[in-house]
Amino acid sequence: MARAERTGIVIVGGGIAGASLAWFLAREGRGDVVVLEREQSLAVHSTGRSAATLSELDGDPTLCEIKVAAAGFFRSPPDGFAAAPVLRPTGVISLVSAAAVPTLERRERFLRSIGLDFRTLTPAEAAAQVPALEPTEFAAAIDVPGDGRLDVHEILSSYYRGARAAGAELRLGAEVRDVVVEAGRCVGVATDRGEIRCDLVIDAAGAWAGRLAAMAGASPIPLQPMRRSIFLFPVPAGIRCAAWPEVISDAHSVYFAPEAGEMMASPMDEVPMEACDPSPDDETIAAAVERLARLAPALRPRTIRHRWSGLRTFSPDRVHVVGEDGARPGFFWLAGQGGCGIETSSLVGRVAADLILRGATTAFDARRLAPGRFVADGRASVARAV
């Protein structure tokens, strides 16, 4: 039998979650890291299929706090992080329905308390920025001018460039087939290329995170992958939209934004499904076209040029799961990133690295992310990779 390989930390999943953790570990001098990605190239699944948007506004207070705390990294990355700017601040406008107006003042107070730079617009003011909007379809809008489009390729590449410089290794086409457990503790993984022993196994497997946890006998946290679709269509003649911000309307279940000379839009669909390579549904796209036409009549698409789908994986409370499993020492969750894994990676990666190396973090209240919140006795262990 071949002798098992040995390293300090194995990260399963080469998407944005695993990449950001590897980078933050590298910043602390930890290069004894192996990242395993099953696909033959990076960004095949969720990371590569995102809308590539920094949008700090979120209906969940915890996620909103995380996004605001993470955003500064992308606006002003650390020296040497990236070869080019990673954020283009086009602005993001979130429309407020009449039904949400009674709670708008309370929401504004919360947003100010966490440091979000925003302004509230009237429908006329929003339509002045995006003339295609029908002002009678919404009651107000929240404009976050510092948000905008992220360069996902540059961010992902930069995380890996920094991690590799410290000695971390990324292996593509490496499938984990089992998790090795001895005396109740995870001590490695079995891959299609052989066994790797380690001090800590990181579950950054995205839509497949629940399957990896089951292999390890970790806590049965019910993560749910959900399909989200995006489509591109030609900008109608006579409309100049290159400088428009992204527009999000929860009430219409649609968002849209200029994208490389065309218009990008999403039905904001959330269809539960098993981990897979999802495809968009024609009826879902068609229904979104009608909702978009009601919100912005001049943008009604005549043809759809391209469409795609990806999986966004949610925990039961829709907030990230970060921390060592209380029932399975040596197994560390970095999962349930929902639809905001890229824009939160600069904070969540740091939190995970802090917990691994020091057992605590000052970056965020890690109890709000801990896997123990889904376990009856709430047990949580402290992960330190020695």
Protein backbone atom coordinates (compact mmCIF):
# COMPACT_ATOMS: atom_id res chain seq x y z
CA MET A 1 0.00 0.00 0.00
CA ALA A 2 1.29 3.46 -0.91
CA ARG A 3 2.27 5.65 1.98
CA ALA A 4 -0.21 8.44 2.73
CA GLU A 5 0.84 11.98 1.94
CA ARG A 6 1.00 14.44 4.85
CA THR A 7 0.11 18.14 5.10
CA GLY A 8 -1.31 20.52 7.67
CA ILE A 9 -4.65 21.56 6.23
CA VAL A 10 -6.73 20.11 3.39
CA ILE A 11 -9.35 22.39 1.84
CA VAL A 12 -11.98 20.53 -0.16
CA GLY A 13 -13.36 22.83 -2.83
CA GLY A 14 -11.45 25.27 -5.02
CA GLY A 15 -14.10 27.99 -5.27
CA ILE A 16 -14.02 31.40 -3.63
CA ALA A 17 -14.49 30.05 -0.09
CA GLY A 18 -11.49 27.74 -0.22
CA ALA A 19 -9.38 30.27 -2.12
CA SER A 20 -9.99 33.08 0.37
CA LEU A 21 -9.20 30.85 3.35
CA ALA A 22 -5.96 29.69 1.71
CA TRP A 23 -4.99 33.34 1.18
CA PHE A 24 -5.70 34.37 4.76
CA LEU A 25 -3.80 31.35 6.08
CA ALA A 26 -0.89 32.32 3.85
CA ARG A 27 -0.93 35.83 5.34
CA GLU A 28 -0.31 34.16 8.69
CA GLY A 29 2.58 32.11 7.34
CA ARG A 30 0.64 28.90 6.91
CA GLY A 31 1.58 27.44 3.57
CA ASP A 32 1.07 23.79 4.54
CA VAL A 33 -2.25 23.82 2.73
CA VAL A 34 -3.54 21.63 -0.09
CA VAL A 35 -6.69 22.75 -1.94
CA LEU A 36 -8.50 19.95 -3.74
CA GLU A 37 -10.82 20.80 -6.64
CA ARG A 38 -12.69 17.99 -8.38
CA GLU A 39 -13.08 19.86 -11.68
CA GLN A 40 -10.27 20.22 -14.20
CA SER A 41 -10.44 24.02 -14.05
CA LEU A 42 -11.45 26.69 -11.56
CA ALA A 43 -14.78 28.54 -11.38
CA VAL A 44 -16.80 25.80 -13.06
CA HIS A 45 -19.69 26.04 -10.60
CA SER A 46 -21.04 28.80 -8.32
CA THR A 47 -18.01 31.10 -8.29
CA GLY A 48 -17.86 31.22 -12.08
CA ARG A 49 -21.60 31.63 -12.56
CA SER A 50 -22.31 34.49 -10.19
CA ALA A 51 -23.69 37.90 -11.09
CA ALA A 52 -20.30 39.35 -10.01
CA THR A 53 -21.91 42.09 -7.94
CA LEU A 54 -21.03 43.72 -4.64
CA SER A 55 -24.41 44.58 -3.11
CA GLU A 56 -24.14 45.33 0.61
CA LEU A 57 -27.86 45.72 1.15
CA ASP A 58 -29.46 42.50 2.38
CA GLY A 59 -32.74 41.62 4.04
CA ASP A 60 -30.94 39.49 6.61
CA PRO A 61 -29.25 41.70 9.25
CA THR A 62 -26.35 39.31 9.82
CA LEU A 63 -25.58 39.03 6.11
CA CYS A 64 -25.90 42.78 5.73
CA GLU A 65 -23.34 43.30 8.51
CA ILE A 66 -20.96 40.79 6.95
CA LYS A 67 -21.23 42.41 3.52
CA VAL A 68 -20.61 45.90 4.88
CA ALA A 69 -17.62 44.68 6.90
CA ALA A 70 -16.22 42.85 3.85
CA ALA A 71 -16.71 45.59 1.26
CA GLY A 72 -13.72 47.74 2.20
CA PHE A 73 -11.35 44.98 1.12
CA PHE A 74 -12.61 45.16 -2.46
CA ARG A 75 -12.67 48.95 -2.59
CA SER A 76 -9.09 49.17 -1.36
CA PRO A 77 -7.36 45.76 -1.54
CA PRO A 78 -4.17 45.13 0.42
CA ASP A 79 -0.96 46.16 -1.32
CA GLY A 80 0.04 43.62 -3.92
CA PHE A 81 -3.21 41.67 -3.75
CA ALA A 82 -4.40 42.17 -7.32
CA ALA A 83 -2.91 43.26 -10.62
CA ALA A 84 -5.97 45.40 -11.43
CA PRO A 85 -8.91 46.99 -9.58
CA VAL A 86 -11.38 44.33 -8.44
CA LEU A 87 -14.44 46.59 -8.04
CA ARG A 88 -16.09 48.92 -10.54
CA PRO A 89 -18.41 51.12 -8.43
CA THR A 90 -21.38 51.47 -10.78
CA GLY A 91 -23.83 51.69 -7.87
CA VAL A 92 -26.71 49.42 -6.89
CA ILE A 93 -30.28 50.64 -6.41
CA SER A 94 -32.73 48.47 -4.46
CA LEU A 95 -36.37 49.33 -5.01
CA VAL A 96 -38.75 49.53 -2.05
CA SER A 97 -42.36 48.42 -2.47
CA ALA A 98 -45.32 50.24 -0.95
CA ALA A 99 -45.77 47.33 1.46
CA ALA A 100 -42.23 47.85 2.80
CA VAL A 101 -42.52 51.61 3.37
CA PRO A 102 -43.79 51.33 6.99
CA THR A 103 -40.53 49.60 7.98
CA LEU A 104 -38.25 51.78 5.84
CA GLU A 105 -37.30 54.22 8.61
CA ARG A 106 -36.31 51.39 10.94
CA ARG A 107 -34.29 49.82 8.16
CA GLU A 108 -32.50 53.09 7.47
CA ARG A 109 -31.52 53.37 11.16
CA PHE A 110 -30.06 49.88 11.07
CA LEU A 111 -28.11 50.54 7.88
CA ARG A 112 -26.64 53.72 9.35
CA SER A 113 -25.70 51.86 12.55
CA ILE A 114 -23.55 49.35 10.63
CA GLY A 115 -21.86 52.02 8.54
CA LEU A 116 -23.47 51.56 5.13
CA ASP A 117 -23.06 54.57 2.84
CA PHE A 118 -26.45 54.98 1.18
CA ARG A 119 -29.19 57.43 0.34
CA THR A 120 -32.94 57.00 0.01
CA LEU A 121 -34.50 58.07 -3.29
CA THR A 122 -37.99 58.92 -4.40
CA PRO A 123 -39.31 57.02 -7.44
CA ALA A 124 -38.65 60.09 -9.59
CA GLU A 125 -35.04 60.30 -8.38
CA ALA A 126 -34.48 56.61 -9.10
CA ALA A 127 -36.01 56.98 -12.55
CA ALA A 128 -33.71 59.92 -13.23
CA GLN A 129 -30.77 57.53 -12.83
CA VAL A 130 -32.46 54.68 -14.72
CA PRO A 131 -34.96 56.25 -17.15
CA ALA A 132 -36.40 52.87 -18.15
CA LEU A 133 -37.98 52.44 -14.69
CA GLU A 134 -41.75 52.88 -14.32
CA PRO A 135 -42.04 55.07 -11.16
CA THR A 136 -45.51 53.83 -10.27
CA GLU A 137 -44.17 50.30 -9.75
CA PHE A 138 -42.32 51.14 -6.50
CA ALA A 139 -42.55 53.59 -3.60
CA ALA A 140 -38.90 54.43 -2.85
CA ALA A 141 -35.38 53.17 -3.49
CA ILE A 142 -32.15 52.72 -1.55
CA ASP A 143 -29.10 53.77 -3.54
CA VAL A 144 -25.66 52.44 -2.55
CA PRO A 145 -23.36 54.30 -4.96
CA GLY A 146 -20.17 52.58 -3.77
CA ASP A 147 -21.37 49.12 -4.74
CA GLY A 148 -21.07 47.64 -8.20
CA ARG A 149 -19.45 44.99 -10.35
CA LEU A 150 -16.69 42.70 -9.12
CA ASP A 151 -13.94 41.17 -11.23
CA VAL A 152 -14.42 37.62 -10.01
CA HIS A 153 -11.59 36.19 -12.10
CA GLU A 154 -9.11 38.70 -10.71
CA ILE A 155 -10.28 38.12 -7.13
CA LEU A 156 -10.05 34.35 -7.38
CA SER A 157 -6.69 34.46 -9.14
CA SER A 158 -5.34 36.91 -6.57
CA TYR A 159 -6.35 34.74 -3.64
CA TYR A 160 -4.55 31.78 -5.19
CA ARG A 161 -1.51 33.80 -6.24
CA GLY A 162 -0.99 34.89 -2.63
CA ALA A 163 -1.64 31.43 -1.21
CA ARG A 164 0.78 29.76 -3.62
CA ALA A 165 3.48 32.29 -2.81
CA ALA A 166 3.38 31.00 0.77
CA GLY A 167 3.59 27.37 -0.33
CA ALA A 168 -0.06 26.35 -0.65
CA GLU A 169 -0.87 23.90 -3.42
CA LEU A 170 -3.96 23.80 -5.65
CA ARG A 171 -4.76 20.45 -7.25
CA LEU A 172 -7.31 20.38 -10.04
CA GLY A 173 -9.09 17.20 -11.08
CA ALA A 174 -8.67 15.77 -7.58
CA GLU A 175 -11.83 14.11 -6.28
CA VAL A 176 -12.36 13.37 -2.60
CA ARG A 177 -13.99 9.97 -2.26
CA ASP A 178 -14.01 9.65 1.51
CA VAL A 179 -13.00 11.35 4.73
CA VAL A 180 -10.62 9.43 6.98
CA VAL A 181 -11.78 9.26 10.61
CA GLU A 182 -9.79 7.68 13.42
CA ALA A 183 -10.75 7.63 17.11
CA GLY A 184 -13.61 10.01 16.36
CA ARG A 185 -11.46 12.64 14.66
CA CYS A 186 -10.98 13.57 10.99
CA VAL A 187 -7.38 12.87 10.11
CA GLY A 188 -7.42 13.14 6.33
CA VAL A 189 -9.15 12.46 3.04
CA ALA A 190 -9.07 9.64 0.52
CA THR A 191 -8.88 10.94 -3.04
CA ASP A 192 -8.79 9.32 -6.45
CA ARG A 193 -5.03 9.90 -6.33
CA GLY A 194 -4.37 8.51 -2.87
CA GLU A 195 -4.74 9.41 0.79
CA ILE A 196 -3.75 12.74 2.34
CA ARG A 197 -3.34 12.92 6.13
CA CYS A 198 -3.78 16.29 7.82
CA ASP A 199 -4.67 18.09 11.04
CA LEU A 200 -7.83 19.68 9.68
CA VAL A 201 -10.25 19.01 6.81
CA ILE A 202 -12.04 22.14 5.55
CA ASP A 203 -15.46 21.68 3.96
CA ALA A 204 -15.55 24.37 1.28
CA ALA A 205 -17.35 22.12 -1.20
CA GLY A 206 -20.21 24.49 -2.03
CA ALA A 207 -23.32 22.62 -3.17
CA TRP A 208 -21.55 19.36 -2.30
CA ALA A 209 -20.69 20.45 1.26
CA GLY A 210 -23.45 18.34 2.80
CA ARG A 211 -22.19 15.23 1.05
CA LEU A 212 -18.66 15.78 2.36
CA ALA A 213 -20.02 16.29 5.87
CA ALA A 214 -21.92 13.00 5.61
CA MET A 215 -18.71 11.22 4.59
CA ALA A 216 -17.07 12.56 7.76
CA GLY A 217 -19.98 11.73 10.05
CA ALA A 218 -20.24 15.41 10.95
CA SER A 219 -23.35 17.12 12.32
CA PRO A 220 -26.27 16.70 9.89
CA ILE A 221 -26.75 20.37 9.03
CA PRO A 222 -29.36 20.47 6.22
CA LEU A 223 -27.72 22.58 3.54
CA GLN A 224 -29.95 23.23 0.53
CA PRO A 225 -28.61 24.04 -2.95
CA MET A 226 -30.96 26.28 -4.93
CA ARG A 227 -30.85 27.17 -8.59
CA ARG A 228 -30.42 30.81 -9.62
CA SER A 229 -30.59 31.83 -13.27
CA ILE A 230 -29.24 34.76 -15.28
CA PHE A 231 -29.88 35.80 -18.86
CA LEU A 232 -28.43 38.33 -21.29
CA PHE A 233 -30.33 40.24 -23.96
CA PRO A 234 -29.59 43.05 -26.43
CA VAL A 235 -30.24 46.56 -25.21
CA PRO A 236 -33.27 47.94 -27.11
CA ALA A 237 -32.50 50.56 -29.73
CA GLY A 238 -32.24 54.12 -28.49
CA ILE A 239 -31.43 53.23 -24.88
CA ARG A 240 -28.08 54.37 -23.52
CA CYS A 241 -27.49 52.44 -20.34
CA ALA A 242 -23.73 51.94 -19.96
CA ALA A 243 -23.63 54.20 -16.89
CA TRP A 244 -26.72 52.79 -15.18
CA PRO A 245 -26.43 51.18 -11.77
CA GLU A 246 -27.72 47.69 -11.10
CA VAL A 247 -31.41 47.68 -10.13
CA ILE A 248 -32.88 45.11 -7.75
CA SER A 249 -36.59 44.68 -7.08
CA ASP A 250 -37.57 42.00 -4.60
CA ALA A 251 -41.25 42.78 -5.20
CA HIS A 252 -40.84 41.99 -8.91
CA SER A 253 -38.35 39.17 -8.28
CA VAL A 254 -35.98 40.57 -10.86
CA TYR A 255 -32.72 42.47 -11.10
CA PHE A 256 -30.95 43.92 -14.10
CA ALA A 257 -27.72 45.70 -14.95
CA PRO A 258 -25.68 46.68 -18.03
CA GLU A 259 -23.17 43.97 -18.93
CA ALA A 260 -20.53 44.36 -21.68
CA GLY A 261 -22.80 46.22 -24.09
CA GLU A 262 -25.85 44.08 -23.32
CA MET A 263 -28.29 43.84 -20.43
CA MET A 264 -28.03 41.18 -17.74
CA ALA A 265 -31.12 40.15 -15.78
CA SER A 266 -32.18 37.46 -13.34
CA PRO A 267 -35.54 35.97 -12.33
CA MET A 268 -34.11 35.74 -8.78
CA ASP A 269 -35.30 32.14 -8.79
CA GLU A 270 -34.64 29.85 -5.83
CA VAL A 271 -35.45 26.31 -6.90
CA PRO A 272 -34.31 23.57 -4.47
CA MET A 273 -32.37 20.77 -6.10
CA GLU A 274 -29.62 18.27 -5.47
CA ALA A 275 -26.02 19.27 -6.14
CA CYS A 276 -25.58 19.19 -9.92
CA ASP A 277 -24.75 21.20 -13.00
CA PRO A 278 -28.07 23.08 -13.35
CA SER A 279 -29.70 24.46 -16.47
CA PRO A 280 -32.09 27.43 -16.67
CA ASP A 281 -35.77 26.80 -17.14
CA ASP A 282 -37.46 28.47 -20.13
CA GLU A 283 -40.71 29.17 -18.29
CA THR A 284 -38.82 30.81 -15.42
CA ILE A 285 -37.00 33.09 -17.86
CA ALA A 286 -40.21 33.92 -19.72
CA ALA A 287 -42.01 34.87 -16.51
CA ALA A 288 -39.09 37.10 -15.52
CA VAL A 289 -39.27 38.86 -18.88
CA GLU A 290 -42.88 39.80 -18.16
CA ARG A 291 -42.04 41.09 -14.67
CA LEU A 292 -39.14 43.08 -16.07
CA ALA A 293 -41.40 44.56 -18.74
CA ARG A 294 -43.78 45.74 -16.05
CA LEU A 295 -40.99 47.35 -14.02
CA ALA A 296 -39.04 48.77 -16.96
CA PRO A 297 -41.26 48.67 -20.07
CA ALA A 298 -38.62 50.04 -22.44
CA LEU A 299 -36.31 47.12 -21.62
CA ARG A 300 -38.64 44.32 -22.67
CA PRO A 301 -36.34 41.76 -24.29
CA ARG A 302 -37.16 40.68 -27.85
CA THR A 303 -34.56 37.92 -27.85
CA ILE A 304 -32.46 36.20 -25.19
CA ARG A 305 -28.82 35.96 -26.25
CA HIS A 306 -27.49 33.75 -23.49
CA ARG A 307 -28.72 32.12 -20.29
CA TRP A 308 -27.13 30.11 -17.50
CA SER A 309 -27.77 28.84 -13.98
CA GLY A 310 -25.73 28.15 -10.88
CA LEU A 311 -26.38 26.74 -7.43
CA ARG A 312 -26.48 28.89 -4.30
CA THR A 313 -26.34 26.76 -1.15
CA PHE A 314 -28.12 27.90 2.01
CA SER A 315 -28.05 26.86 5.64
CA PRO A 316 -31.39 26.67 7.50
CA ASP A 317 -31.13 30.33 8.56
CA ARG A 318 -29.49 31.37 5.26
CA VAL A 319 -26.29 32.54 7.00
CA HIS A 320 -22.82 31.04 6.49
CA VAL A 321 -21.67 28.02 8.48
CA VAL A 322 -18.10 28.58 9.69
CA GLY A 323 -16.29 26.64 12.40
CA GLU A 324 -15.20 23.24 13.59
CA ASP A 325 -17.91 20.62 13.94
CA GLY A 326 -18.74 19.88 17.58
CA ALA A 327 -19.47 16.23 16.84
CA ARG A 328 -16.49 15.58 14.58
CA PRO A 329 -13.19 17.23 15.64
CA GLY A 330 -10.87 17.90 12.75
CA PHE A 331 -13.76 18.73 10.41
CA PHE A 332 -14.24 22.46 9.76
CA TRP A 333 -17.27 23.95 8.02
CA LEU A 334 -16.83 26.75 5.48
CA ALA A 335 -20.17 26.37 3.74
CA GLY A 336 -23.69 27.70 3.25
CA GLN A 337 -22.50 30.86 1.50
CA GLY A 338 -25.82 31.36 -0.27
CA GLY A 339 -25.61 33.92 -3.03
CA CYS A 340 -22.92 36.10 -1.47
CA GLY A 341 -19.82 33.95 -1.22
CA ILE A 342 -17.67 36.24 -3.37
CA GLU A 343 -18.65 39.54 -1.81
CA THR A 344 -18.29 38.15 1.74
CA SER A 345 -15.10 36.14 1.14
CA SER A 346 -12.79 38.86 2.43
CA LEU A 347 -14.40 38.70 5.87
CA VAL A 348 -15.45 35.06 6.08
CA GLY A 349 -12.04 33.85 4.93
CA ARG A 350 -10.41 35.91 7.66
CA VAL A 351 -12.83 34.65 10.31
CA ALA A 352 -12.17 31.05 9.32
CA ALA A 353 -8.39 31.55 9.37
CA ASP A 354 -8.56 33.21 12.79
CA LEU A 355 -10.62 30.36 14.23
CA ILE A 356 -8.27 27.75 12.77
CA LEU A 357 -5.08 29.40 13.97
CA ARG A 358 -6.17 31.04 17.22
CA GLY A 359 -9.55 29.62 18.13
CA ALA A 360 -11.07 33.12 18.19
CA THR A 361 -11.52 36.18 15.99
CA THR A 362 -12.07 39.90 16.44
CA ALA A 363 -13.32 40.32 12.87
CA PHE A 364 -16.91 39.25 13.57
CA ASP A 365 -19.01 37.49 16.19
CA ALA A 366 -18.18 33.93 15.16
CA ARG A 367 -21.00 32.52 17.29
CA ARG A 368 -23.44 33.82 14.69
CA LEU A 369 -21.75 31.62 12.09
CA ALA A 370 -20.93 28.56 14.20
CA PRO A 371 -22.22 25.14 13.12
CA GLY A 372 -23.27 24.51 16.73
CA ARG A 373 -26.27 26.81 16.29
CA PHE A 374 -27.95 24.01 14.35
CA VAL A 375 -27.19 21.31 16.91
CA ALA A 376 -29.46 20.60 19.86
CA ASP A 377 -26.78 20.90 22.54
CA GLY A 378 -24.96 23.69 20.70
CA ARG A 379 -21.57 22.12 21.24
CA ALA A 380 -18.66 23.84 19.54
CA SER A 381 -15.03 22.84 19.59
CA VAL A 382 -12.00 25.01 18.89
CA ALA A 383 -10.09 24.19 15.73
CA ARG A 384 -6.37 24.79 15.83
CA ALA A 385 -4.25 23.34 13.04
CA VAL A 386 -1.01 22.36 14.73
